Amino acid sequence: MQEWDTLKNSVGDSSTAGTKLKSTEGWYENGNGTDDFGFSALPGGNGNGGYVGRVGCWWTRTWYNEYLALSRQLGYDYEYVGEYISGNTFKFSVRCVKD
């Protein structure tokens, strides 16, 4: 969770961080972002074949138990970074951070 909070805060206002991190193309109904920081987030869907083009979902490293973990989500129709608790069977994307 901390790594995503750091990312969100470093791009400015958390309510618009999603727009600043999304790629400039590929999002449903022109829900593209500005990609101000070169993150180029793509809408890979929820990993189980749903919502491709509409959402991008990423795991954080924060687990609640052996079945649930915290995830982050960007959507074509909103500007913020969503925070969710998700089941570990979803095939979300990961964000690698170099120490």
PDB file of N, CA and C in Angstrom:
ATOM      1  N   MET A   1       0.825  -1.181   0.000  1.00  0.00           N
ATOM      2  CA  MET A   1       0.000   0.000   0.000  1.00  0.00           C
ATOM      3  C   MET A   1       0.872   1.249   0.000  1.00  0.00           C
ATOM      4  N   GLN A   2       1.930   1.239   0.759  1.00  0.00           N
ATOM      5  CA  GLN A   2       2.790   2.412   0.864  1.00  0.00           C
ATOM      6  C   GLN A   2       3.368   2.818  -0.487  1.00  0.00           C
ATOM      7  N   GLU A   3       3.761   1.831  -1.303  1.00  0.00           N
ATOM      8  CA  GLU A   3       4.355   2.173  -2.597  1.00  0.00           C
ATOM      9  C   GLU A   3       3.361   2.892  -3.505  1.00  0.00           C
ATOM     10  N   TRP A   4       2.089   2.497  -3.463  1.00  0.00           N
ATOM     11  CA  TRP A   4       1.069   3.174  -4.273  1.00  0.00           C
ATOM     12  C   TRP A   4       0.734   4.542  -3.699  1.00  0.00           C
ATOM     13  N   ASP A   5       0.728   4.675  -2.396  1.00  0.00           N
ATOM     14  CA  ASP A   5       0.487   5.989  -1.791  1.00  0.00           C
ATOM     15  C   ASP A   5       1.604   6.954  -2.178  1.00  0.00           C
ATOM     16  N   THR A   6       2.834   6.477  -2.176  1.00  0.00           N
ATOM     17  CA  THR A   6       3.960   7.309  -2.586  1.00  0.00           C
ATOM     18  C   THR A   6       3.799   7.739  -4.035  1.00  0.00           C
ATOM     19  N   LEU A   7       3.444   6.804  -4.903  1.00  0.00           N
ATOM     20  CA  LEU A   7       3.234   7.124  -6.318  1.00  0.00           C
ATOM     21  C   LEU A   7       2.122   8.149  -6.473  1.00  0.00           C
ATOM     22  N   LYS A   8       0.986   7.891  -5.839  1.00  0.00           N
ATOM     23  CA  LYS A   8      -0.160   8.799  -5.913  1.00  0.00           C
ATOM     24  C   LYS A   8       0.196  10.205  -5.454  1.00  0.00           C
ATOM     25  N   ASN A   9       0.865  10.295  -4.331  1.00  0.00           N
ATOM     26  CA  ASN A   9       1.209  11.594  -3.769  1.00  0.00           C
ATOM     27  C   ASN A   9       2.266  12.331  -4.589  1.00  0.00           C
ATOM     28  N   SER A  10       3.132  11.598  -5.257  1.00  0.00           N
ATOM     29  CA  SER A  10       4.191  12.242  -6.032  1.00  0.00           C
ATOM     30  C   SER A  10       3.669  12.853  -7.334  1.00  0.00           C
ATOM     31  N   VAL A  11       2.498  12.453  -7.783  1.00  0.00           N
ATOM     32  CA  VAL A  11       1.935  13.041  -9.007  1.00  0.00           C
ATOM     33  C   VAL A  11       0.939  14.148  -8.698  1.00  0.00           C
ATOM     34  N   GLY A  12       0.805  14.487  -7.439  1.00  0.00           N
ATOM     35  CA  GLY A  12      -0.062  15.611  -7.079  1.00  0.00           C
ATOM     36  C   GLY A  12      -1.309  15.163  -6.368  1.00  0.00           C
ATOM     37  N   ASP A  13      -2.378  15.816  -6.637  1.00  0.00           N
ATOM     38  CA  ASP A  13      -3.669  15.586  -6.001  1.00  0.00           C
ATOM     39  C   ASP A  13      -4.147  14.152  -6.242  1.00  0.00           C
ATOM     40  N   SER A  14      -4.434  13.422  -5.158  1.00  0.00           N
ATOM     41  CA  SER A  14      -4.835  12.019  -5.300  1.00  0.00           C
ATOM     42  C   SER A  14      -6.162  11.861  -6.042  1.00  0.00           C
ATOM     43  N   SER A  15      -6.974  12.905  -6.061  1.00  0.00           N
ATOM     44  CA  SER A  15      -8.256  12.789  -6.758  1.00  0.00           C
ATOM     45  C   SER A  15      -8.093  12.805  -8.279  1.00  0.00           C
ATOM     46  N   THR A  16      -6.949  13.256  -8.781  1.00  0.00           N
ATOM     47  CA  THR A  16      -6.700  13.270 -10.226  1.00  0.00           C
ATOM     48  C   THR A  16      -5.493  12.427 -10.626  1.00  0.00           C
ATOM     49  N   ALA A  17      -4.915  11.707  -9.673  1.00  0.00           N
ATOM     50  CA  ALA A  17      -3.715  10.915  -9.955  1.00  0.00           C
ATOM     51  C   ALA A  17      -3.956   9.875 -11.044  1.00  0.00           C
ATOM     52  N   GLY A  18      -5.146   9.298 -11.094  1.00  0.00           N
ATOM     53  CA  GLY A  18      -5.441   8.294 -12.104  1.00  0.00           C
ATOM     54  C   GLY A  18      -5.301   8.825 -13.509  1.00  0.00           C
ATOM     55  N   THR A  19      -5.813  10.012 -13.756  1.00  0.00           N
ATOM     56  CA  THR A  19      -5.705  10.626 -15.081  1.00  0.00           C
ATOM     57  C   THR A  19      -4.254  10.885 -15.447  1.00  0.00           C
ATOM     58  N   LYS A  20      -3.470  11.322 -14.495  1.00  0.00           N
ATOM     59  CA  LYS A  20      -2.065  11.634 -14.753  1.00  0.00           C
ATOM     60  C   LYS A  20      -1.219  10.391 -15.000  1.00  0.00           C
ATOM     61  N   LEU A  21      -1.680   9.226 -14.525  1.00  0.00           N
ATOM     62  CA  LEU A  21      -0.927   7.979 -14.678  1.00  0.00           C
ATOM     63  C   LEU A  21      -1.385   7.133 -15.867  1.00  0.00           C
ATOM     64  N   LYS A  22      -2.604   7.363 -16.352  1.00  0.00           N
ATOM     65  CA  LYS A  22      -3.123   6.561 -17.468  1.00  0.00           C
ATOM     66  C   LYS A  22      -2.451   6.925 -18.785  1.00  0.00           C
ATOM     67  N   SER A  23      -2.316   5.928 -19.669  1.00  0.00           N
ATOM     68  CA  SER A  23      -1.767   6.151 -21.000  1.00  0.00           C
ATOM     69  C   SER A  23      -2.681   7.083 -21.789  1.00  0.00           C
ATOM     70  N   THR A  24      -2.146   7.655 -22.836  1.00  0.00           N
ATOM     71  CA  THR A  24      -2.899   8.615 -23.646  1.00  0.00           C
ATOM     72  C   THR A  24      -3.777   7.954 -24.696  1.00  0.00           C
ATOM     73  N   GLU A  25      -3.764   6.635 -24.738  1.00  0.00           N
ATOM     74  CA  GLU A  25      -4.636   5.919 -25.675  1.00  0.00           C
ATOM     75  C   GLU A  25      -4.951   4.531 -25.144  1.00  0.00           C
ATOM     76  N   GLY A  26      -5.975   3.923 -25.693  1.00  0.00           N
ATOM     77  CA  GLY A  26      -6.315   2.548 -25.349  1.00  0.00           C
ATOM     78  C   GLY A  26      -7.450   2.393 -24.355  1.00  0.00           C
ATOM     79  N   TRP A  27      -7.921   3.496 -23.762  1.00  0.00           N
ATOM     80  CA  TRP A  27      -8.992   3.425 -22.779  1.00  0.00           C
ATOM     81  C   TRP A  27     -10.342   3.603 -23.455  1.00  0.00           C
ATOM     82  N   TYR A  28     -11.312   2.880 -22.993  1.00  0.00           N
ATOM     83  CA  TYR A  28     -12.681   2.878 -23.510  1.00  0.00           C
ATOM     84  C   TYR A  28     -13.274   4.290 -23.542  1.00  0.00           C
ATOM     85  N   GLU A  29     -14.065   4.547 -24.571  1.00  0.00           N
ATOM     86  CA  GLU A  29     -14.809   5.801 -24.743  1.00  0.00           C
ATOM     87  C   GLU A  29     -13.983   7.047 -24.446  1.00  0.00           C
ATOM     88  N   ASN A  30     -12.766   7.054 -24.962  1.00  0.00           N
ATOM     89  CA  ASN A  30     -11.887   8.212 -24.820  1.00  0.00           C
ATOM     90  C   ASN A  30     -11.590   8.563 -23.368  1.00  0.00           C
ATOM     91  N   GLY A  31     -11.564   7.562 -22.502  1.00  0.00           N
ATOM     92  CA  GLY A  31     -11.236   7.768 -21.093  1.00  0.00           C
ATOM     93  C   GLY A  31      -9.746   7.780 -20.852  1.00  0.00           C
ATOM     94  N   ASN A  32      -8.997   8.197 -21.860  1.00  0.00           N
ATOM     95  CA  ASN A  32      -7.546   8.212 -21.775  1.00  0.00           C
ATOM     96  C   ASN A  32      -7.046   9.203 -20.737  1.00  0.00           C
ATOM     97  N   GLY A  33      -5.818   8.997 -20.328  1.00  0.00           N
ATOM     98  CA  GLY A  33      -5.189   9.902 -19.385  1.00  0.00           C
ATOM     99  C   GLY A  33      -4.243  10.856 -20.077  1.00  0.00           C
ATOM    100  N   THR A  34      -3.475  11.564 -19.275  1.00  0.00           N
ATOM    101  CA  THR A  34      -2.495  12.516 -19.794  1.00  0.00           C
ATOM    102  C   THR A  34      -1.075  11.969 -19.736  1.00  0.00           C
ATOM    103  N   ASP A  35      -0.862  10.887 -19.003  1.00  0.00           N
ATOM    104  CA  ASP A  35       0.445  10.238 -18.857  1.00  0.00           C
ATOM    105  C   ASP A  35       1.546  11.252 -18.554  1.00  0.00           C
ATOM    106  N   ASP A  36       1.274  12.151 -17.648  1.00  0.00           N
ATOM    107  CA  ASP A  36       2.199  13.238 -17.318  1.00  0.00           C
ATOM    108  C   ASP A  36       3.549  12.763 -16.801  1.00  0.00           C
ATOM    109  N   PHE A  37       3.632  11.540 -16.277  1.00  0.00           N
ATOM    110  CA  PHE A  37       4.857  11.080 -15.632  1.00  0.00           C
ATOM    111  C   PHE A  37       5.447   9.829 -16.268  1.00  0.00           C
ATOM    112  N   GLY A  38       4.928   9.412 -17.433  1.00  0.00           N
ATOM    113  CA  GLY A  38       5.483   8.264 -18.144  1.00  0.00           C
ATOM    114  C   GLY A  38       5.132   6.910 -17.558  1.00  0.00           C
ATOM    115  N   PHE A  39       4.142   6.851 -16.692  1.00  0.00           N
ATOM    116  CA  PHE A  39       3.724   5.567 -16.124  1.00  0.00           C
ATOM    117  C   PHE A  39       2.973   4.733 -17.160  1.00  0.00           C
ATOM    118  N   SER A  40       2.215   5.387 -18.025  1.00  0.00           N
ATOM    119  CA  SER A  40       1.513   4.762 -19.159  1.00  0.00           C
ATOM    120  C   SER A  40       0.642   3.571 -18.773  1.00  0.00           C
ATOM    121  N   ALA A  41      -0.164   3.746 -17.730  1.00  0.00           N
ATOM    122  CA  ALA A  41      -1.037   2.665 -17.267  1.00  0.00           C
ATOM    123  C   ALA A  41      -2.041   2.280 -18.356  1.00  0.00           C
ATOM    124  N   LEU A  42      -2.123   0.997 -18.626  1.00  0.00           N
ATOM    125  CA  LEU A  42      -3.023   0.465 -19.645  1.00  0.00           C
ATOM    126  C   LEU A  42      -4.203  -0.258 -18.992  1.00  0.00           C
ATOM    127  N   PRO A  43      -5.324  -0.297 -19.670  1.00  0.00           N
ATOM    128  CA  PRO A  43      -6.535  -0.927 -19.123  1.00  0.00           C
ATOM    129  C   PRO A  43      -6.586  -2.427 -19.388  1.00  0.00           C
ATOM    130  N   GLY A  44      -5.815  -3.187 -18.625  1.00  0.00           N
ATOM    131  CA  GLY A  44      -5.736  -4.629 -18.834  1.00  0.00           C
ATOM    132  C   GLY A  44      -6.909  -5.424 -18.303  1.00  0.00           C
ATOM    133  N   GLY A  45      -7.865  -4.757 -17.691  1.00  0.00           N
ATOM    134  CA  GLY A  45      -9.030  -5.461 -17.163  1.00  0.00           C
ATOM    135  C   GLY A  45      -8.766  -6.014 -15.772  1.00  0.00           C
ATOM    136  N   ASN A  46      -9.685  -6.874 -15.351  1.00  0.00           N
ATOM    137  CA  ASN A  46      -9.572  -7.416 -13.994  1.00  0.00           C
ATOM    138  C   ASN A  46      -8.807  -8.730 -13.944  1.00  0.00           C
ATOM    139  N   GLY A  47      -8.229  -9.129 -15.044  1.00  0.00           N
ATOM    140  CA  GLY A  47      -7.408 -10.333 -15.064  1.00  0.00           C
ATOM    141  C   GLY A  47      -8.179 -11.618 -15.254  1.00  0.00           C
ATOM    142  N   ASN A  48      -9.479 -11.548 -15.183  1.00  0.00           N
ATOM    143  CA  ASN A  48     -10.318 -12.733 -15.392  1.00  0.00           C
ATOM    144  C   ASN A  48     -11.166 -12.578 -16.642  1.00  0.00           C
ATOM    145  N   GLY A  49     -10.679 -11.789 -17.584  1.00  0.00           N
ATOM    146  CA  GLY A  49     -11.354 -11.618 -18.859  1.00  0.00           C
ATOM    147  C   GLY A  49     -12.382 -10.508 -18.882  1.00  0.00           C
ATOM    148  N   GLY A  50     -12.529  -9.802 -17.794  1.00  0.00           N
ATOM    149  CA  GLY A  50     -13.541  -8.758 -17.748  1.00  0.00           C
ATOM    150  C   GLY A  50     -12.971  -7.355 -17.754  1.00  0.00           C
ATOM    151  N   TYR A  51     -13.694  -6.465 -18.341  1.00  0.00           N
ATOM    152  CA  TYR A  51     -13.432  -5.029 -18.308  1.00  0.00           C
ATOM    153  C   TYR A  51     -12.147  -4.589 -18.998  1.00  0.00           C
ATOM    154  N   VAL A  52     -11.617  -5.387 -19.913  1.00  0.00           N
ATOM    155  CA  VAL A  52     -10.453  -4.971 -20.683  1.00  0.00           C
ATOM    156  C   VAL A  52     -10.826  -3.700 -21.440  1.00  0.00           C
ATOM    157  N   GLY A  53      -9.975  -2.708 -21.351  1.00  0.00           N
ATOM    158  CA  GLY A  53     -10.234  -1.418 -21.972  1.00  0.00           C
ATOM    159  C   GLY A  53     -10.928  -0.437 -21.045  1.00  0.00           C
ATOM    160  N   ARG A  54     -11.536  -0.958 -19.985  1.00  0.00           N
ATOM    161  CA  ARG A  54     -12.288  -0.107 -19.055  1.00  0.00           C
ATOM    162  C   ARG A  54     -11.578   0.132 -17.724  1.00  0.00           C
ATOM    163  N   VAL A  55     -10.817  -0.851 -17.246  1.00  0.00           N
ATOM    164  CA  VAL A  55     -10.094  -0.708 -15.978  1.00  0.00           C
ATOM    165  C   VAL A  55      -8.703  -1.315 -16.080  1.00  0.00           C
ATOM    166  N   GLY A  56      -7.836  -0.818 -15.233  1.00  0.00           N
ATOM    167  CA  GLY A  56      -6.533  -1.413 -15.017  1.00  0.00           C
ATOM    168  C   GLY A  56      -6.438  -1.707 -13.528  1.00  0.00           C
ATOM    169  N   CYS A  57      -6.030  -2.917 -13.171  1.00  0.00           N
ATOM    170  CA  CYS A  57      -5.973  -3.325 -11.765  1.00  0.00           C
ATOM    171  C   CYS A  57      -4.564  -3.800 -11.435  1.00  0.00           C
ATOM    172  N   TRP A  58      -4.054  -3.378 -10.281  1.00  0.00           N
ATOM    173  CA  TRP A  58      -2.713  -3.728  -9.839  1.00  0.00           C
ATOM    174  C   TRP A  58      -2.747  -4.200  -8.403  1.00  0.00           C
ATOM    175  N   TRP A  59      -1.917  -5.189  -8.113  1.00  0.00           N
ATOM    176  CA  TRP A  59      -1.750  -5.631  -6.736  1.00  0.00           C
ATOM    177  C   TRP A  59      -0.831  -4.672  -5.999  1.00  0.00           C
ATOM    178  N   THR A  60      -1.049  -4.551  -4.696  1.00  0.00           N
ATOM    179  CA  THR A  60      -0.069  -3.927  -3.818  1.00  0.00           C
ATOM    180  C   THR A  60       0.622  -5.073  -3.091  1.00  0.00           C
ATOM    181  N   ARG A  61       1.526  -4.760  -2.217  1.00  0.00           N
ATOM    182  CA  ARG A  61       2.180  -5.831  -1.462  1.00  0.00           C
ATOM    183  C   ARG A  61       1.504  -6.072  -0.117  1.00  0.00           C
ATOM    184  N   THR A  62       0.373  -5.455   0.121  1.00  0.00           N
ATOM    185  CA  THR A  62      -0.328  -5.554   1.401  1.00  0.00           C
ATOM    186  C   THR A  62      -1.387  -6.655   1.367  1.00  0.00           C
ATOM    187  N   TRP A  63      -1.220  -7.657   2.216  1.00  0.00           N
ATOM    188  CA  TRP A  63      -2.166  -8.750   2.350  1.00  0.00           C
ATOM    189  C   TRP A  63      -2.965  -8.599   3.644  1.00  0.00           C
ATOM    190  N   TYR A  64      -4.247  -8.952   3.590  1.00  0.00           N
ATOM    191  CA  TYR A  64      -5.076  -8.949   4.787  1.00  0.00           C
ATOM    192  C   TYR A  64      -5.121 -10.321   5.440  1.00  0.00           C
ATOM    193  N   ASN A  65      -5.135 -11.329   4.627  1.00  0.00           N
ATOM    194  CA  ASN A  65      -5.069 -12.710   5.093  1.00  0.00           C
ATOM    195  C   ASN A  65      -4.613 -13.551   3.907  1.00  0.00           C
ATOM    196  N   GLU A  66      -4.700 -14.859   3.997  1.00  0.00           N
ATOM    197  CA  GLU A  66      -4.196 -15.695   2.902  1.00  0.00           C
ATOM    198  C   GLU A  66      -5.057 -15.636   1.646  1.00  0.00           C
ATOM    199  N   TYR A  67      -6.240 -15.027   1.714  1.00  0.00           N
ATOM    200  CA  TYR A  67      -7.155 -14.974   0.578  1.00  0.00           C
ATOM    201  C   TYR A  67      -7.398 -13.579   0.018  1.00  0.00           C
ATOM    202  N   LEU A  68      -7.091 -12.541   0.785  1.00  0.00           N
ATOM    203  CA  LEU A  68      -7.421 -11.166   0.398  1.00  0.00           C
ATOM    204  C   LEU A  68      -6.204 -10.253   0.448  1.00  0.00           C
ATOM    205  N   ALA A  69      -6.095  -9.388  -0.551  1.00  0.00           N
ATOM    206  CA  ALA A  69      -5.000  -8.417  -0.591  1.00  0.00           C
ATOM    207  C   ALA A  69      -5.540  -7.081  -1.101  1.00  0.00           C
ATOM    208  N   LEU A  70      -4.799  -6.036  -0.841  1.00  0.00           N
ATOM    209  CA  LEU A  70      -5.170  -4.707  -1.275  1.00  0.00           C
ATOM    210  C   LEU A  70      -4.764  -4.510  -2.731  1.00  0.00           C
ATOM    211  N   SER A  71      -5.647  -3.913  -3.508  1.00  0.00           N
ATOM    212  CA  SER A  71      -5.348  -3.636  -4.912  1.00  0.00           C
ATOM    213  C   SER A  71      -5.655  -2.170  -5.223  1.00  0.00           C
ATOM    214  N   ARG A  72      -5.130  -1.724  -6.344  1.00  0.00           N
ATOM    215  CA  ARG A  72      -5.401  -0.378  -6.844  1.00  0.00           C
ATOM    216  C   ARG A  72      -6.007  -0.504  -8.225  1.00  0.00           C
ATOM    217  N   GLN A  73      -6.871   0.451  -8.561  1.00  0.00           N
ATOM    218  CA  GLN A  73      -7.572   0.382  -9.838  1.00  0.00           C
ATOM    219  C   GLN A  73      -7.701   1.761 -10.462  1.00  0.00           C
ATOM    220  N   LEU A  74      -7.507   1.808 -11.781  1.00  0.00           N
ATOM    221  CA  LEU A  74      -7.772   3.002 -12.580  1.00  0.00           C
ATOM    222  C   LEU A  74      -8.903   2.663 -13.529  1.00  0.00           C
ATOM    223  N   GLY A  75      -9.775   3.620 -13.783  1.00  0.00           N
ATOM    224  CA  GLY A  75     -10.907   3.372 -14.666  1.00  0.00           C
ATOM    225  C   GLY A  75     -11.034   4.423 -15.748  1.00  0.00           C
ATOM    226  N   TYR A  76     -11.675   4.050 -16.845  1.00  0.00           N
ATOM    227  CA  TYR A  76     -11.849   4.969 -17.960  1.00  0.00           C
ATOM    228  C   TYR A  76     -12.752   6.144 -17.607  1.00  0.00           C
ATOM    229  N   ASP A  77     -13.625   5.967 -16.613  1.00  0.00           N
ATOM    230  CA  ASP A  77     -14.642   6.974 -16.331  1.00  0.00           C
ATOM    231  C   ASP A  77     -14.439   7.716 -15.006  1.00  0.00           C
ATOM    232  N   TYR A  78     -13.229   7.634 -14.443  1.00  0.00           N
ATOM    233  CA  TYR A  78     -12.928   8.436 -13.255  1.00  0.00           C
ATOM    234  C   TYR A  78     -11.444   8.806 -13.216  1.00  0.00           C
ATOM    235  N   GLU A  79     -11.122   9.839 -12.418  1.00  0.00           N
ATOM    236  CA  GLU A  79      -9.775  10.418 -12.386  1.00  0.00           C
ATOM    237  C   GLU A  79      -8.913   9.949 -11.226  1.00  0.00           C
ATOM    238  N   TYR A  80      -9.512   9.386 -10.211  1.00  0.00           N
ATOM    239  CA  TYR A  80      -8.775   8.999  -9.006  1.00  0.00           C
ATOM    240  C   TYR A  80      -8.194   7.585  -9.123  1.00  0.00           C
ATOM    241  N   VAL A  81      -7.397   7.211  -8.136  1.00  0.00           N
ATOM    242  CA  VAL A  81      -6.891   5.844  -8.018  1.00  0.00           C
ATOM    243  C   VAL A  81      -7.762   5.135  -6.989  1.00  0.00           C
ATOM    244  N   GLY A  82      -8.493   4.114  -7.417  1.00  0.00           N
ATOM    245  CA  GLY A  82      -9.369   3.372  -6.517  1.00  0.00           C
ATOM    246  C   GLY A  82      -8.591   2.398  -5.652  1.00  0.00           C
ATOM    247  N   GLU A  83      -9.086   2.173  -4.446  1.00  0.00           N
ATOM    248  CA  GLU A  83      -8.459   1.248  -3.510  1.00  0.00           C
ATOM    249  C   GLU A  83      -9.470   0.169  -3.138  1.00  0.00           C
ATOM    250  N   TYR A  84      -9.065  -1.091  -3.282  1.00  0.00           N
ATOM    251  CA  TYR A  84      -9.984  -2.200  -3.058  1.00  0.00           C
ATOM    252  C   TYR A  84      -9.300  -3.344  -2.336  1.00  0.00           C
ATOM    253  N   ILE A  85     -10.085  -4.156  -1.670  1.00  0.00           N
ATOM    254  CA  ILE A  85      -9.628  -5.430  -1.126  1.00  0.00           C
ATOM    255  C   ILE A  85     -10.152  -6.493  -2.074  1.00  0.00           C
ATOM    256  N   SER A  86      -9.245  -7.306  -2.604  1.00  0.00           N
ATOM    257  CA  SER A  86      -9.615  -8.252  -3.657  1.00  0.00           C
ATOM    258  C   SER A  86      -9.172  -9.660  -3.310  1.00  0.00           C
ATOM    259  N   GLY A  87      -9.896 -10.625  -3.838  1.00  0.00           N
ATOM    260  CA  GLY A  87      -9.542 -12.024  -3.657  1.00  0.00           C
ATOM    261  C   GLY A  87      -8.298 -12.385  -4.442  1.00  0.00           C
ATOM    262  N   ASN A  88      -7.483 -13.260  -3.892  1.00  0.00           N
ATOM    263  CA  ASN A  88      -6.203 -13.575  -4.515  1.00  0.00           C
ATOM    264  C   ASN A  88      -6.307 -14.428  -5.780  1.00  0.00           C
ATOM    265  N   THR A  89      -7.503 -14.750  -6.225  1.00  0.00           N
ATOM    266  CA  THR A  89      -7.650 -15.501  -7.473  1.00  0.00           C
ATOM    267  C   THR A  89      -7.667 -14.595  -8.697  1.00  0.00           C
ATOM    268  N   PHE A  90      -7.792 -13.282  -8.494  1.00  0.00           N
ATOM    269  CA  PHE A  90      -7.761 -12.362  -9.625  1.00  0.00           C
ATOM    270  C   PHE A  90      -6.351 -12.266 -10.188  1.00  0.00           C
ATOM    271  N   LYS A  91      -6.265 -12.048 -11.480  1.00  0.00           N
ATOM    272  CA  LYS A  91      -4.975 -11.982 -12.178  1.00  0.00           C
ATOM    273  C   LYS A  91      -4.670 -10.533 -12.517  1.00  0.00           C
ATOM    274  N   PHE A  92      -4.433  -9.726 -11.495  1.00  0.00           N
ATOM    275  CA  PHE A  92      -4.143  -8.313 -11.683  1.00  0.00           C
ATOM    276  C   PHE A  92      -2.703  -8.138 -12.155  1.00  0.00           C
ATOM    277  N   SER A  93      -2.420  -6.930 -12.617  1.00  0.00           N
ATOM    278  CA  SER A  93      -1.059  -6.565 -12.991  1.00  0.00           C
ATOM    279  C   SER A  93      -0.247  -6.286 -11.725  1.00  0.00           C
ATOM    280  N   VAL A  94       1.051  -6.209 -11.894  1.00  0.00           N
ATOM    281  CA  VAL A  94       1.939  -5.824 -10.789  1.00  0.00           C
ATOM    282  C   VAL A  94       2.775  -4.646 -11.246  1.00  0.00           C
ATOM    283  N   ARG A  95       3.235  -3.890 -10.287  1.00  0.00           N
ATOM    284  CA  ARG A  95       4.119  -2.747 -10.559  1.00  0.00           C
ATOM    285  C   ARG A  95       5.426  -3.049  -9.864  1.00  0.00           C
ATOM    286  N   CYS A  96       6.506  -3.149 -10.629  1.00  0.00           N
ATOM    287  CA  CYS A  96       7.810  -3.428 -10.051  1.00  0.00           C
ATOM    288  C   CYS A  96       8.491  -2.119  -9.680  1.00  0.00           C
ATOM    289  N   VAL A  97       9.065  -2.082  -8.484  1.00  0.00           N
ATOM    290  CA  VAL A  97       9.735  -0.899  -7.979  1.00  0.00           C
ATOM    291  C   VAL A  97      11.185  -1.242  -7.708  1.00  0.00           C
ATOM    292  N   LYS A  98      12.082  -0.464  -8.286  1.00  0.00           N
ATOM    293  CA  LYS A  98      13.506  -0.690  -8.074  1.00  0.00           C
ATOM    294  C   LYS A  98      13.927   0.012  -6.789  1.00  0.00           C
ATOM    295  N   ASP A  99      14.548  -0.731  -5.881  1.00  0.00           N
ATOM    296  CA  ASP A  99      15.054  -0.141  -4.627  1.00  0.00           C
ATOM    297  C   ASP A  99      16.303   0.653  -4.878  1.00  0.00           C
TER     298      ASP A  99
END
